[in-house]
C-alpha cells in the first residue's frame, strides 16, 4: 500500500480540486490534503509530514 502524502496549497478552490482529482486518479498518494493559504498550510505541516508539497506562489495572508 502506498503511504505517501501530498499537500496542495492554493487559494483557488478550482485549482486545488483539479490537482487533487488528477493525483487521485493516478493513485500517487494515499493521502492528499488541501490548504487554502500559507497560514493554513503551516498549521497542517506542523501536524503531519508530507512527501510532496505543491504550492501556489501568490496567495493572500502568506505567499508560498
N, C-alpha and C. Protein backbone atom coordinates (compact mmCIF):
# COMPACT_ATOMS: atom_id res chain seq x y z
N UNK A 1 0.84 -1.19 0.00
CA UNK A 1 0.00 0.00 0.00
C UNK A 1 0.88 1.25 0.00
N UNK A 2 0.49 2.22 -0.81
CA UNK A 2 1.23 3.47 -0.93
C UNK A 2 0.87 4.39 0.23
N UNK A 3 1.83 4.74 1.06
CA UNK A 3 1.56 5.57 2.23
C UNK A 3 2.10 6.99 2.05
N UNK A 4 2.29 7.42 0.83
CA UNK A 4 2.77 8.77 0.55
C UNK A 4 1.67 9.78 0.83
N UNK A 5 2.09 10.98 1.23
CA UNK A 5 1.12 12.04 1.47
C UNK A 5 1.54 13.30 0.73
N UNK A 6 0.54 14.01 0.22
CA UNK A 6 0.75 15.22 -0.56
C UNK A 6 -0.06 16.35 0.05
N UNK A 7 0.53 17.54 0.07
CA UNK A 7 -0.17 18.75 0.50
C UNK A 7 -0.26 19.67 -0.70
N UNK A 8 -1.48 20.09 -1.04
CA UNK A 8 -1.72 21.05 -2.13
C UNK A 8 -2.10 22.37 -1.48
N UNK A 9 -1.30 23.41 -1.75
CA UNK A 9 -1.55 24.73 -1.17
C UNK A 9 -1.87 25.69 -2.31
N UNK A 10 -3.10 26.18 -2.33
CA UNK A 10 -3.53 27.12 -3.37
C UNK A 10 -4.78 27.84 -2.89
N UNK A 11 -4.85 29.14 -3.14
CA UNK A 11 -6.03 29.90 -2.72
C UNK A 11 -7.21 29.71 -3.67
N UNK A 12 -6.97 29.12 -4.83
CA UNK A 12 -8.02 28.90 -5.81
C UNK A 12 -8.60 27.49 -5.65
N UNK A 13 -9.86 27.41 -5.24
CA UNK A 13 -10.52 26.13 -4.99
C UNK A 13 -10.52 25.25 -6.23
N UNK A 14 -10.78 25.81 -7.39
CA UNK A 14 -10.83 25.01 -8.61
C UNK A 14 -9.48 24.36 -8.92
N UNK A 15 -8.41 25.09 -8.70
CA UNK A 15 -7.07 24.55 -8.93
C UNK A 15 -6.78 23.41 -7.97
N UNK A 16 -7.09 23.62 -6.69
CA UNK A 16 -6.88 22.56 -5.69
C UNK A 16 -7.67 21.31 -6.05
N UNK A 17 -8.93 21.51 -6.42
CA UNK A 17 -9.80 20.38 -6.77
C UNK A 17 -9.26 19.63 -7.97
N UNK A 18 -8.85 20.34 -9.01
CA UNK A 18 -8.32 19.71 -10.21
C UNK A 18 -7.05 18.93 -9.91
N UNK A 19 -6.12 19.54 -9.17
CA UNK A 19 -4.89 18.83 -8.81
C UNK A 19 -5.19 17.58 -7.99
N UNK A 20 -6.09 17.69 -7.03
CA UNK A 20 -6.45 16.54 -6.20
C UNK A 20 -7.06 15.42 -7.04
N UNK A 21 -7.94 15.78 -7.97
CA UNK A 21 -8.55 14.77 -8.84
C UNK A 21 -7.51 14.07 -9.71
N UNK A 22 -6.59 14.86 -10.29
CA UNK A 22 -5.56 14.28 -11.15
C UNK A 22 -4.64 13.33 -10.36
N UNK A 23 -4.22 13.77 -9.20
CA UNK A 23 -3.34 12.94 -8.38
C UNK A 23 -4.06 11.70 -7.85
N UNK A 24 -5.32 11.85 -7.50
CA UNK A 24 -6.10 10.71 -7.00
C UNK A 24 -6.28 9.65 -8.08
N UNK A 25 -6.55 10.07 -9.32
CA UNK A 25 -6.72 9.13 -10.42
C UNK A 25 -5.46 8.33 -10.67
N UNK A 26 -4.32 8.96 -10.48
CA UNK A 26 -3.03 8.29 -10.69
C UNK A 26 -2.62 7.42 -9.50
N UNK A 27 -3.36 7.54 -8.40
CA UNK A 27 -3.07 6.78 -7.18
C UNK A 27 -1.62 6.97 -6.73
N UNK A 28 -1.18 8.20 -6.78
CA UNK A 28 0.19 8.55 -6.41
C UNK A 28 0.37 8.55 -4.90
N UNK A 29 -0.67 8.89 -4.16
CA UNK A 29 -0.56 9.01 -2.70
C UNK A 29 -1.81 8.45 -2.04
N UNK A 30 -1.64 8.04 -0.80
CA UNK A 30 -2.79 7.56 -0.04
C UNK A 30 -3.51 8.70 0.66
N UNK A 31 -2.81 9.84 0.79
CA UNK A 31 -3.39 10.99 1.48
C UNK A 31 -3.07 12.26 0.70
N UNK A 32 -4.11 12.99 0.31
CA UNK A 32 -3.94 14.27 -0.36
C UNK A 32 -4.71 15.31 0.46
N UNK A 33 -3.98 16.23 1.05
CA UNK A 33 -4.54 17.26 1.92
C UNK A 33 -4.49 18.60 1.20
N UNK A 34 -5.48 19.44 1.45
CA UNK A 34 -5.54 20.76 0.83
C UNK A 34 -5.39 21.85 1.88
N UNK A 35 -4.76 22.95 1.47
CA UNK A 35 -4.67 24.15 2.30
C UNK A 35 -4.99 25.35 1.40
N UNK A 36 -5.75 26.31 1.95
CA UNK A 36 -6.23 27.43 1.14
C UNK A 36 -5.28 28.64 1.15
N UNK A 37 -4.29 28.64 2.02
CA UNK A 37 -3.30 29.72 2.04
C UNK A 37 -2.09 29.28 2.86
N UNK A 38 -1.09 30.13 2.93
CA UNK A 38 0.14 29.78 3.63
C UNK A 38 -0.05 29.52 5.11
N UNK A 39 -0.92 30.27 5.75
CA UNK A 39 -1.15 30.09 7.19
C UNK A 39 -1.81 28.74 7.46
N UNK A 40 -2.80 28.40 6.65
CA UNK A 40 -3.46 27.10 6.75
C UNK A 40 -2.44 25.98 6.52
N UNK A 41 -1.55 26.18 5.56
CA UNK A 41 -0.53 25.18 5.25
C UNK A 41 0.42 24.97 6.42
N UNK A 42 0.87 26.05 7.04
CA UNK A 42 1.78 25.94 8.18
C UNK A 42 1.14 25.12 9.30
N UNK A 43 -0.13 25.36 9.57
CA UNK A 43 -0.83 24.61 10.61
C UNK A 43 -0.85 23.12 10.27
N UNK A 44 -1.06 22.80 9.00
CA UNK A 44 -1.13 21.39 8.59
C UNK A 44 0.26 20.74 8.60
N UNK A 45 1.28 21.50 8.22
CA UNK A 45 2.65 20.98 8.21
C UNK A 45 3.12 20.69 9.64
N UNK A 46 2.65 21.46 10.59
CA UNK A 46 3.04 21.24 11.99
C UNK A 46 2.46 19.96 12.55
N UNK A 47 1.36 19.48 11.96
CA UNK A 47 0.68 18.29 12.47
C UNK A 47 0.96 17.02 11.67
N UNK A 48 1.59 17.16 10.50
CA UNK A 48 1.78 15.99 9.65
C UNK A 48 2.99 16.22 8.74
N UNK A 49 3.70 15.15 8.43
CA UNK A 49 4.79 15.21 7.46
C UNK A 49 4.23 14.88 6.08
N UNK A 50 4.78 15.55 5.06
CA UNK A 50 4.33 15.33 3.69
C UNK A 50 5.51 14.91 2.82
N UNK A 51 5.25 14.03 1.88
CA UNK A 51 6.27 13.58 0.94
C UNK A 51 6.42 14.56 -0.22
N UNK A 52 5.34 15.27 -0.52
CA UNK A 52 5.36 16.24 -1.61
C UNK A 52 4.45 17.40 -1.23
N UNK A 53 4.91 18.62 -1.51
CA UNK A 53 4.09 19.82 -1.31
C UNK A 53 4.04 20.57 -2.63
N UNK A 54 2.82 20.81 -3.09
CA UNK A 54 2.59 21.60 -4.31
C UNK A 54 2.02 22.93 -3.85
N UNK A 55 2.72 24.02 -4.17
CA UNK A 55 2.36 25.30 -3.58
C UNK A 55 2.24 26.42 -4.61
N UNK A 56 1.15 27.15 -4.53
CA UNK A 56 0.97 28.37 -5.31
C UNK A 56 1.94 29.41 -4.75
N UNK A 57 2.49 30.25 -5.60
CA UNK A 57 3.47 31.23 -5.16
C UNK A 57 2.83 32.53 -4.67
N UNK A 58 1.66 32.87 -5.17
CA UNK A 58 0.99 34.13 -4.79
C UNK A 58 -0.37 33.85 -4.16
N UNK A 59 -0.46 34.06 -2.85
CA UNK A 59 -1.71 33.81 -2.13
C UNK A 59 -1.94 34.91 -1.10
N UNK A 60 -3.20 35.08 -0.69
CA UNK A 60 -3.47 36.05 0.37
C UNK A 60 -2.91 35.57 1.73
N UNK A 61 -2.74 36.45 2.65
CA UNK A 61 -2.28 36.18 4.02
C UNK A 61 -0.79 35.82 4.06
N UNK A 62 -0.38 34.79 3.34
CA UNK A 62 1.02 34.35 3.36
C UNK A 62 1.32 33.64 2.05
N UNK A 63 2.27 34.15 1.30
CA UNK A 63 2.65 33.56 0.00
C UNK A 63 3.41 32.27 0.16
N UNK A 64 3.46 31.50 -0.93
CA UNK A 64 4.20 30.25 -0.97
C UNK A 64 5.65 30.55 -1.09
